[in-house]
Amino acid sequence: MTAYKVVLAPQAQRALAGLVPERRRAVHEAMRGKLSTNPLAVGTPEGTGPDALRKLAVASAGVTIGYRVIDAQVEVRVVWLLGWP
């Protein structure tokens, strides 16, 4: 199994830094687990094509992760994080 490199865009880095520790830890676990091992099998695509934006809800953190999978570079780019109550 190929592990994908997870890269955070500057906006996502700022959002992650603003989360409380419990939420931040849950988001990190999702990025190290689901997003780095099988990013195309999780999340909901928001469009068509290989680089479509995908959304993954991390219920334990109350955060949705917006990301794109770049297969040619074996990379997941986290574009944004959106917290919800």
PDB file of N, CA and C in Angstrom:
ATOM      1  N   MET A   1       0.844  -1.174   0.000  1.00  0.00           N
ATOM      2  CA  MET A   1       0.000   0.000   0.000  1.00  0.00           C
ATOM      3  C   MET A   1       0.891   1.239   0.000  1.00  0.00           C
ATOM      4  N   THR A   2       0.568   2.179  -0.842  1.00  0.00           N
ATOM      5  CA  THR A   2       1.321   3.423  -0.946  1.00  0.00           C
ATOM      6  C   THR A   2       0.778   4.441   0.039  1.00  0.00           C
ATOM      7  N   ALA A   3       1.670   5.080   0.756  1.00  0.00           N
ATOM      8  CA  ALA A   3       1.253   6.147   1.676  1.00  0.00           C
ATOM      9  C   ALA A   3       1.346   7.479   0.945  1.00  0.00           C
ATOM     10  N   TYR A   4       0.291   8.242   1.006  1.00  0.00           N
ATOM     11  CA  TYR A   4       0.256   9.566   0.396  1.00  0.00           C
ATOM     12  C   TYR A   4       0.859  10.585   1.356  1.00  0.00           C
ATOM     13  N   LYS A   5       1.574  11.537   0.816  1.00  0.00           N
ATOM     14  CA  LYS A   5       2.097  12.644   1.609  1.00  0.00           C
ATOM     15  C   LYS A   5       0.971  13.665   1.761  1.00  0.00           C
ATOM     16  N   VAL A   6       0.674  14.070   2.990  1.00  0.00           N
ATOM     17  CA  VAL A   6      -0.383  15.046   3.243  1.00  0.00           C
ATOM     18  C   VAL A   6       0.255  16.416   3.441  1.00  0.00           C
ATOM     19  N   VAL A   7      -0.132  17.371   2.604  1.00  0.00           N
ATOM     20  CA  VAL A   7       0.413  18.730   2.630  1.00  0.00           C
ATOM     21  C   VAL A   7      -0.726  19.697   2.942  1.00  0.00           C
ATOM     22  N   LEU A   8      -0.489  20.612   3.866  1.00  0.00           N
ATOM     23  CA  LEU A   8      -1.517  21.601   4.218  1.00  0.00           C
ATOM     24  C   LEU A   8      -1.230  22.929   3.544  1.00  0.00           C
ATOM     25  N   ALA A   9      -2.250  23.493   2.909  1.00  0.00           N
ATOM     26  CA  ALA A   9      -2.156  24.839   2.348  1.00  0.00           C
ATOM     27  C   ALA A   9      -2.069  25.823   3.515  1.00  0.00           C
ATOM     28  N   PRO A  10      -1.525  27.022   3.282  1.00  0.00           N
ATOM     29  CA  PRO A  10      -1.395  28.007   4.367  1.00  0.00           C
ATOM     30  C   PRO A  10      -2.707  28.274   5.111  1.00  0.00           C
ATOM     31  N   GLN A  11      -3.813  28.363   4.387  1.00  0.00           N
ATOM     32  CA  GLN A  11      -5.112  28.606   5.026  1.00  0.00           C
ATOM     33  C   GLN A  11      -5.476  27.452   5.957  1.00  0.00           C
ATOM     34  N   ALA A  12      -5.211  26.222   5.535  1.00  0.00           N
ATOM     35  CA  ALA A  12      -5.501  25.055   6.366  1.00  0.00           C
ATOM     36  C   ALA A  12      -4.580  25.018   7.590  1.00  0.00           C
ATOM     37  N   GLN A  13      -3.319  25.427   7.421  1.00  0.00           N
ATOM     38  CA  GLN A  13      -2.393  25.483   8.559  1.00  0.00           C
ATOM     39  C   GLN A  13      -2.885  26.460   9.620  1.00  0.00           C
ATOM     40  N   ARG A  14      -3.355  27.622   9.183  1.00  0.00           N
ATOM     41  CA  ARG A  14      -3.876  28.613  10.133  1.00  0.00           C
ATOM     42  C   ARG A  14      -5.117  28.083  10.848  1.00  0.00           C
ATOM     43  N   ALA A  15      -5.996  27.437  10.110  1.00  0.00           N
ATOM     44  CA  ALA A  15      -7.217  26.889  10.714  1.00  0.00           C
ATOM     45  C   ALA A  15      -6.874  25.787  11.717  1.00  0.00           C
ATOM     46  N   LEU A  16      -5.917  24.942  11.385  1.00  0.00           N
ATOM     47  CA  LEU A  16      -5.505  23.869  12.288  1.00  0.00           C
ATOM     48  C   LEU A  16      -4.917  24.434  13.577  1.00  0.00           C
ATOM     49  N   ALA A  17      -4.126  25.477  13.452  1.00  0.00           N
ATOM     50  CA  ALA A  17      -3.520  26.104  14.628  1.00  0.00           C
ATOM     51  C   ALA A  17      -4.566  26.718  15.548  1.00  0.00           C
ATOM     52  N   GLY A  18      -5.708  27.101  14.998  1.00  0.00           N
ATOM     53  CA  GLY A  18      -6.756  27.726  15.792  1.00  0.00           C
ATOM     54  C   GLY A  18      -7.697  26.747  16.490  1.00  0.00           C
ATOM     55  N   LEU A  19      -7.536  25.457  16.224  1.00  0.00           N
ATOM     56  CA  LEU A  19      -8.401  24.466  16.860  1.00  0.00           C
ATOM     57  C   LEU A  19      -7.957  24.178  18.286  1.00  0.00           C
ATOM     58  N   VAL A  20      -8.905  23.813  19.121  1.00  0.00           N
ATOM     59  CA  VAL A  20      -8.552  23.377  20.480  1.00  0.00           C
ATOM     60  C   VAL A  20      -7.810  22.047  20.356  1.00  0.00           C
ATOM     61  N   PRO A  21      -6.980  21.709  21.353  1.00  0.00           N
ATOM     62  CA  PRO A  21      -6.135  20.509  21.243  1.00  0.00           C
ATOM     63  C   PRO A  21      -6.880  19.218  20.884  1.00  0.00           C
ATOM     64  N   GLU A  22      -8.063  18.992  21.433  1.00  0.00           N
ATOM     65  CA  GLU A  22      -8.792  17.748  21.141  1.00  0.00           C
ATOM     66  C   GLU A  22      -9.183  17.668  19.670  1.00  0.00           C
ATOM     67  N   ARG A  23      -9.670  18.782  19.137  1.00  0.00           N
ATOM     68  CA  ARG A  23     -10.050  18.809  17.717  1.00  0.00           C
ATOM     69  C   ARG A  23      -8.816  18.675  16.824  1.00  0.00           C
ATOM     70  N   ARG A  24      -7.748  19.369  17.191  1.00  0.00           N
ATOM     71  CA  ARG A  24      -6.507  19.305  16.407  1.00  0.00           C
ATOM     72  C   ARG A  24      -5.986  17.870  16.359  1.00  0.00           C
ATOM     73  N   ARG A  25      -6.030  17.175  17.495  1.00  0.00           N
ATOM     74  CA  ARG A  25      -5.551  15.800  17.565  1.00  0.00           C
ATOM     75  C   ARG A  25      -6.389  14.889  16.655  1.00  0.00           C
ATOM     76  N   ALA A  26      -7.707  15.059  16.663  1.00  0.00           N
ATOM     77  CA  ALA A  26      -8.584  14.237  15.814  1.00  0.00           C
ATOM     78  C   ALA A  26      -8.321  14.494  14.334  1.00  0.00           C
ATOM     79  N   VAL A  27      -8.081  15.749  13.964  1.00  0.00           N
ATOM     80  CA  VAL A  27      -7.775  16.076  12.567  1.00  0.00           C
ATOM     81  C   VAL A  27      -6.432  15.461  12.167  1.00  0.00           C
ATOM     82  N   HIS A  28      -5.437  15.555  13.047  1.00  0.00           N
ATOM     83  CA  HIS A  28      -4.133  14.930  12.763  1.00  0.00           C
ATOM     84  C   HIS A  28      -4.282  13.426  12.563  1.00  0.00           C
ATOM     85  N   GLU A  29      -5.083  12.775  13.411  1.00  0.00           N
ATOM     86  CA  GLU A  29      -5.295  11.335  13.276  1.00  0.00           C
ATOM     87  C   GLU A  29      -5.938  10.997  11.937  1.00  0.00           C
ATOM     88  N   ALA A  30      -6.895  11.799  11.502  1.00  0.00           N
ATOM     89  CA  ALA A  30      -7.536  11.562  10.202  1.00  0.00           C
ATOM     90  C   ALA A  30      -6.538  11.741   9.065  1.00  0.00           C
ATOM     91  N   MET A  31      -5.675  12.746   9.180  1.00  0.00           N
ATOM     92  CA  MET A  31      -4.686  12.990   8.114  1.00  0.00           C
ATOM     93  C   MET A  31      -3.641  11.881   8.086  1.00  0.00           C
ATOM     94  N   ARG A  32      -3.215  11.405   9.249  1.00  0.00           N
ATOM     95  CA  ARG A  32      -2.224  10.321   9.295  1.00  0.00           C
ATOM     96  C   ARG A  32      -2.836   8.984   8.905  1.00  0.00           C
ATOM     97  N   GLY A  33      -4.135   8.818   9.155  1.00  0.00           N
ATOM     98  CA  GLY A  33      -4.798   7.550   8.868  1.00  0.00           C
ATOM     99  C   GLY A  33      -5.475   7.545   7.517  1.00  0.00           C
ATOM    100  N   LYS A  34      -6.737   7.953   7.512  1.00  0.00           N
ATOM    101  CA  LYS A  34      -7.574   7.855   6.314  1.00  0.00           C
ATOM    102  C   LYS A  34      -7.012   8.589   5.112  1.00  0.00           C
ATOM    103  N   LEU A  35      -6.558   9.823   5.307  1.00  0.00           N
ATOM    104  CA  LEU A  35      -6.105  10.614   4.151  1.00  0.00           C
ATOM    105  C   LEU A  35      -4.771  10.137   3.605  1.00  0.00           C
ATOM    106  N   SER A  36      -3.904   9.623   4.451  1.00  0.00           N
ATOM    107  CA  SER A  36      -2.600   9.213   3.941  1.00  0.00           C
ATOM    108  C   SER A  36      -2.615   7.795   3.377  1.00  0.00           C
ATOM    109  N   THR A  37      -3.596   6.979   3.745  1.00  0.00           N
ATOM    110  CA  THR A  37      -3.601   5.606   3.265  1.00  0.00           C
ATOM    111  C   THR A  37      -4.524   5.366   2.076  1.00  0.00           C
ATOM    112  N   ASN A  38      -5.696   5.985   2.078  1.00  0.00           N
ATOM    113  CA  ASN A  38      -6.646   5.731   0.995  1.00  0.00           C
ATOM    114  C   ASN A  38      -7.555   6.942   0.775  1.00  0.00           C
ATOM    115  N   PRO A  39      -7.000   8.048   0.306  1.00  0.00           N
ATOM    116  CA  PRO A  39      -7.771   9.291   0.222  1.00  0.00           C
ATOM    117  C   PRO A  39      -8.914   9.282  -0.785  1.00  0.00           C
ATOM    118  N   LEU A  40      -8.850   8.408  -1.772  1.00  0.00           N
ATOM    119  CA  LEU A  40      -9.923   8.375  -2.767  1.00  0.00           C
ATOM    120  C   LEU A  40     -11.129   7.574  -2.284  1.00  0.00           C
ATOM    121  N   ALA A  41     -10.938   6.728  -1.278  1.00  0.00           N
ATOM    122  CA  ALA A  41     -12.029   5.903  -0.773  1.00  0.00           C
ATOM    123  C   ALA A  41     -12.832   6.600   0.316  1.00  0.00           C
ATOM    124  N   VAL A  42     -12.272   7.658   0.893  1.00  0.00           N
ATOM    125  CA  VAL A  42     -12.979   8.396   1.943  1.00  0.00           C
ATOM    126  C   VAL A  42     -13.361   9.766   1.406  1.00  0.00           C
ATOM    127  N   GLY A  43     -14.227  10.419   2.082  1.00  0.00           N
ATOM    128  CA  GLY A  43     -14.618  11.749   1.635  1.00  0.00           C
ATOM    129  C   GLY A  43     -15.635  11.707   0.514  1.00  0.00           C
ATOM    130  N   THR A  44     -16.228  12.845   0.287  1.00  0.00           N
ATOM    131  CA  THR A  44     -17.254  13.001  -0.739  1.00  0.00           C
ATOM    132  C   THR A  44     -16.732  13.939  -1.816  1.00  0.00           C
ATOM    133  N   PRO A  45     -16.690  13.484  -3.082  1.00  0.00           N
ATOM    134  CA  PRO A  45     -16.221  14.377  -4.147  1.00  0.00           C
ATOM    135  C   PRO A  45     -17.208  15.512  -4.399  1.00  0.00           C
ATOM    136  N   GLU A  46     -16.680  16.691  -4.636  1.00  0.00           N
ATOM    137  CA  GLU A  46     -17.505  17.868  -4.896  1.00  0.00           C
ATOM    138  C   GLU A  46     -17.527  18.222  -6.382  1.00  0.00           C
ATOM    139  N   GLY A  47     -16.978  17.381  -7.192  1.00  0.00           N
ATOM    140  CA  GLY A  47     -16.951  17.623  -8.632  1.00  0.00           C
ATOM    141  C   GLY A  47     -16.520  16.357  -9.333  1.00  0.00           C
ATOM    142  N   THR A  48     -16.130  16.500 -10.586  1.00  0.00           N
ATOM    143  CA  THR A  48     -15.669  15.349 -11.349  1.00  0.00           C
ATOM    144  C   THR A  48     -14.213  15.551 -11.719  1.00  0.00           C
ATOM    145  N   GLY A  49     -13.600  14.490 -12.138  1.00  0.00           N
ATOM    146  CA  GLY A  49     -12.205  14.568 -12.561  1.00  0.00           C
ATOM    147  C   GLY A  49     -11.268  14.119 -11.468  1.00  0.00           C
ATOM    148  N   PRO A  50     -10.033  13.866 -11.862  1.00  0.00           N
ATOM    149  CA  PRO A  50      -9.064  13.315 -10.920  1.00  0.00           C
ATOM    150  C   PRO A  50      -8.642  14.279  -9.810  1.00  0.00           C
ATOM    151  N   ASP A  51      -8.757  15.576 -10.045  1.00  0.00           N
ATOM    152  CA  ASP A  51      -8.322  16.533  -9.020  1.00  0.00           C
ATOM    153  C   ASP A  51      -9.502  17.264  -8.370  1.00  0.00           C
ATOM    154  N   ALA A  52     -10.662  16.623  -8.369  1.00  0.00           N
ATOM    155  CA  ALA A  52     -11.858  17.240  -7.783  1.00  0.00           C
ATOM    156  C   ALA A  52     -11.671  17.445  -6.284  1.00  0.00           C
ATOM    157  N   LEU A  53     -12.232  18.511  -5.792  1.00  0.00           N
ATOM    158  CA  LEU A  53     -12.215  18.765  -4.359  1.00  0.00           C
ATOM    159  C   LEU A  53     -13.039  17.686  -3.674  1.00  0.00           C
ATOM    160  N   ARG A  54     -12.528  17.173  -2.555  1.00  0.00           N
ATOM    161  CA  ARG A  54     -13.228  16.166  -1.768  1.00  0.00           C
ATOM    162  C   ARG A  54     -13.402  16.701  -0.359  1.00  0.00           C
ATOM    163  N   LYS A  55     -14.455  16.250   0.338  1.00  0.00           N
ATOM    164  CA  LYS A  55     -14.692  16.666   1.715  1.00  0.00           C
ATOM    165  C   LYS A  55     -14.771  15.439   2.604  1.00  0.00           C
ATOM    166  N   LEU A  56     -14.072  15.509   3.728  1.00  0.00           N
ATOM    167  CA  LEU A  56     -14.098  14.440   4.721  1.00  0.00           C
ATOM    168  C   LEU A  56     -14.518  15.031   6.054  1.00  0.00           C
ATOM    169  N   ALA A  57     -15.645  14.574   6.588  1.00  0.00           N
ATOM    170  CA  ALA A  57     -16.119  15.045   7.891  1.00  0.00           C
ATOM    171  C   ALA A  57     -15.466  14.208   8.984  1.00  0.00           C
ATOM    172  N   VAL A  58     -14.826  14.887   9.923  1.00  0.00           N
ATOM    173  CA  VAL A  58     -14.235  14.228  11.087  1.00  0.00           C
ATOM    174  C   VAL A  58     -15.170  14.539  12.250  1.00  0.00           C
ATOM    175  N   ALA A  59     -16.146  13.649  12.456  1.00  0.00           N
ATOM    176  CA  ALA A  59     -17.212  13.907  13.426  1.00  0.00           C
ATOM    177  C   ALA A  59     -16.679  14.108  14.842  1.00  0.00           C
ATOM    178  N   SER A  60     -15.656  13.359  15.227  1.00  0.00           N
ATOM    179  CA  SER A  60     -15.127  13.476  16.588  1.00  0.00           C
ATOM    180  C   SER A  60     -14.494  14.836  16.843  1.00  0.00           C
ATOM    181  N   ALA A  61     -14.113  15.535  15.763  1.00  0.00           N
ATOM    182  CA  ALA A  61     -13.498  16.856  15.898  1.00  0.00           C
ATOM    183  C   ALA A  61     -14.465  17.978  15.563  1.00  0.00           C
ATOM    184  N   GLY A  62     -15.583  17.639  14.934  1.00  0.00           N
ATOM    185  CA  GLY A  62     -16.498  18.677  14.478  1.00  0.00           C
ATOM    186  C   GLY A  62     -15.872  19.528  13.394  1.00  0.00           C
ATOM    187  N   VAL A  63     -15.095  18.884  12.519  1.00  0.00           N
ATOM    188  CA  VAL A  63     -14.358  19.585  11.465  1.00  0.00           C
ATOM    189  C   VAL A  63     -14.527  18.839  10.145  1.00  0.00           C
ATOM    190  N   THR A  64     -14.682  19.592   9.071  1.00  0.00           N
ATOM    191  CA  THR A  64     -14.676  19.017   7.732  1.00  0.00           C
ATOM    192  C   THR A  64     -13.377  19.422   7.053  1.00  0.00           C
ATOM    193  N   ILE A  65     -12.718  18.446   6.440  1.00  0.00           N
ATOM    194  CA  ILE A  65     -11.449  18.670   5.743  1.00  0.00           C
ATOM    195  C   ILE A  65     -11.740  18.732   4.244  1.00  0.00           C
ATOM    196  N   GLY A  66     -11.335  19.811   3.598  1.00  0.00           N
ATOM    197  CA  GLY A  66     -11.439  19.934   2.149  1.00  0.00           C
ATOM    198  C   GLY A  66     -10.079  19.620   1.550  1.00  0.00           C
ATOM    199  N   TYR A  67     -10.016  18.675   0.617  1.00  0.00           N
ATOM    200  CA  TYR A  67      -8.717  18.256   0.082  1.00  0.00           C
ATOM    201  C   TYR A  67      -8.807  17.833  -1.372  1.00  0.00           C
ATOM    202  N   ARG A  68      -7.651  17.801  -2.012  1.00  0.00           N
ATOM    203  CA  ARG A  68      -7.516  17.305  -3.381  1.00  0.00           C
ATOM    204  C   ARG A  68      -6.459  16.210  -3.382  1.00  0.00           C
ATOM    205  N   VAL A  69      -6.671  15.176  -4.182  1.00  0.00           N
ATOM    206  CA  VAL A  69      -5.713  14.085  -4.306  1.00  0.00           C
ATOM    207  C   VAL A  69      -4.942  14.291  -5.603  1.00  0.00           C
ATOM    208  N   ILE A  70      -3.637  14.366  -5.485  1.00  0.00           N
ATOM    209  CA  ILE A  70      -2.761  14.518  -6.657  1.00  0.00           C
ATOM    210  C   ILE A  70      -2.034  13.184  -6.842  1.00  0.00           C
ATOM    211  N   ASP A  71      -2.635  12.267  -7.622  1.00  0.00           N
ATOM    212  CA  ASP A  71      -2.086  10.919  -7.765  1.00  0.00           C
ATOM    213  C   ASP A  71      -0.687  10.902  -8.356  1.00  0.00           C
ATOM    214  N   ALA A  72      -0.427  11.761  -9.323  1.00  0.00           N
ATOM    215  CA  ALA A  72       0.874  11.763  -9.989  1.00  0.00           C
ATOM    216  C   ALA A  72       2.004  12.044  -8.997  1.00  0.00           C
ATOM    217  N   GLN A  73       1.709  12.787  -7.942  1.00  0.00           N
ATOM    218  CA  GLN A  73       2.728  13.123  -6.940  1.00  0.00           C
ATOM    219  C   GLN A  73       2.531  12.330  -5.647  1.00  0.00           C
ATOM    220  N   VAL A  74       1.577  11.412  -5.638  1.00  0.00           N
ATOM    221  CA  VAL A  74       1.218  10.638  -4.448  1.00  0.00           C
ATOM    222  C   VAL A  74       1.092  11.600  -3.268  1.00  0.00           C
ATOM    223  N   GLU A  75       0.205  12.573  -3.446  1.00  0.00           N
ATOM    224  CA  GLU A  75       0.080  13.659  -2.480  1.00  0.00           C
ATOM    225  C   GLU A  75      -1.384  14.016  -2.251  1.00  0.00           C
ATOM    226  N   VAL A  76      -1.701  14.369  -1.021  1.00  0.00           N
ATOM    227  CA  VAL A  76      -3.011  14.899  -0.660  1.00  0.00           C
ATOM    228  C   VAL A  76      -2.787  16.339  -0.225  1.00  0.00           C
ATOM    229  N   ARG A  77      -3.464  17.278  -0.866  1.00  0.00           N
ATOM    230  CA  ARG A  77      -3.344  18.688  -0.498  1.00  0.00           C
ATOM    231  C   ARG A  77      -4.589  19.105   0.268  1.00  0.00           C
ATOM    232  N   VAL A  78      -4.424  19.407   1.540  1.00  0.00           N
ATOM    233  CA  VAL A  78      -5.533  19.881   2.353  1.00  0.00           C
ATOM    234  C   VAL A  78      -5.694  21.361   2.051  1.00  0.00           C
ATOM    235  N   VAL A  79      -6.833  21.724   1.500  1.00  0.00           N
ATOM    236  CA  VAL A  79      -7.092  23.084   1.051  1.00  0.00           C
ATOM    237  C   VAL A  79      -7.669  23.942   2.174  1.00  0.00           C
ATOM    238  N   TRP A  80      -8.605  23.370   2.937  1.00  0.00           N
ATOM    239  CA  TRP A  80      -9.228  24.125   4.014  1.00  0.00           C
ATOM    240  C   TRP A  80      -9.759  23.188   5.095  1.00  0.00           C
ATOM    241  N   LEU A  81     -10.009  23.762   6.265  1.00  0.00           N
ATOM    242  CA  LEU A  81     -10.666  23.074   7.378  1.00  0.00           C
ATOM    243  C   LEU A  81     -11.841  23.939   7.796  1.00  0.00           C
ATOM    244  N   LEU A  82     -12.973  23.331   8.025  1.00  0.00           N
ATOM    245  CA  LEU A  82     -14.157  24.066   8.427  1.00  0.00           C
ATOM    246  C   LEU A  82     -14.702  23.428   9.692  1.00  0.00           C
ATOM    247  N   GLY A  83     -14.714  24.198  10.787  1.00  0.00           N
ATOM    248  CA  GLY A  83     -15.242  23.689  12.044  1.00  0.00           C
ATOM    249  C   GLY A  83     -16.738  23.896  12.129  1.00  0.00           C
ATOM    250  N   TRP A  84     -17.407  23.001  12.824  1.00  0.00           N
ATOM    251  CA  TRP A  84     -18.837  23.105  13.044  1.00  0.00           C
ATOM    252  C   TRP A  84     -19.133  22.647  14.463  1.00  0.00           C
ATOM    253  N   PRO A  85     -20.217  23.146  15.023  1.00  0.00           N
ATOM    254  CA  PRO A  85     -20.529  22.811  16.434  1.00  0.00           C
ATOM    255  C   PRO A  85     -20.894  21.357  16.646  1.00  0.00           C
TER     256      PRO A  85
END
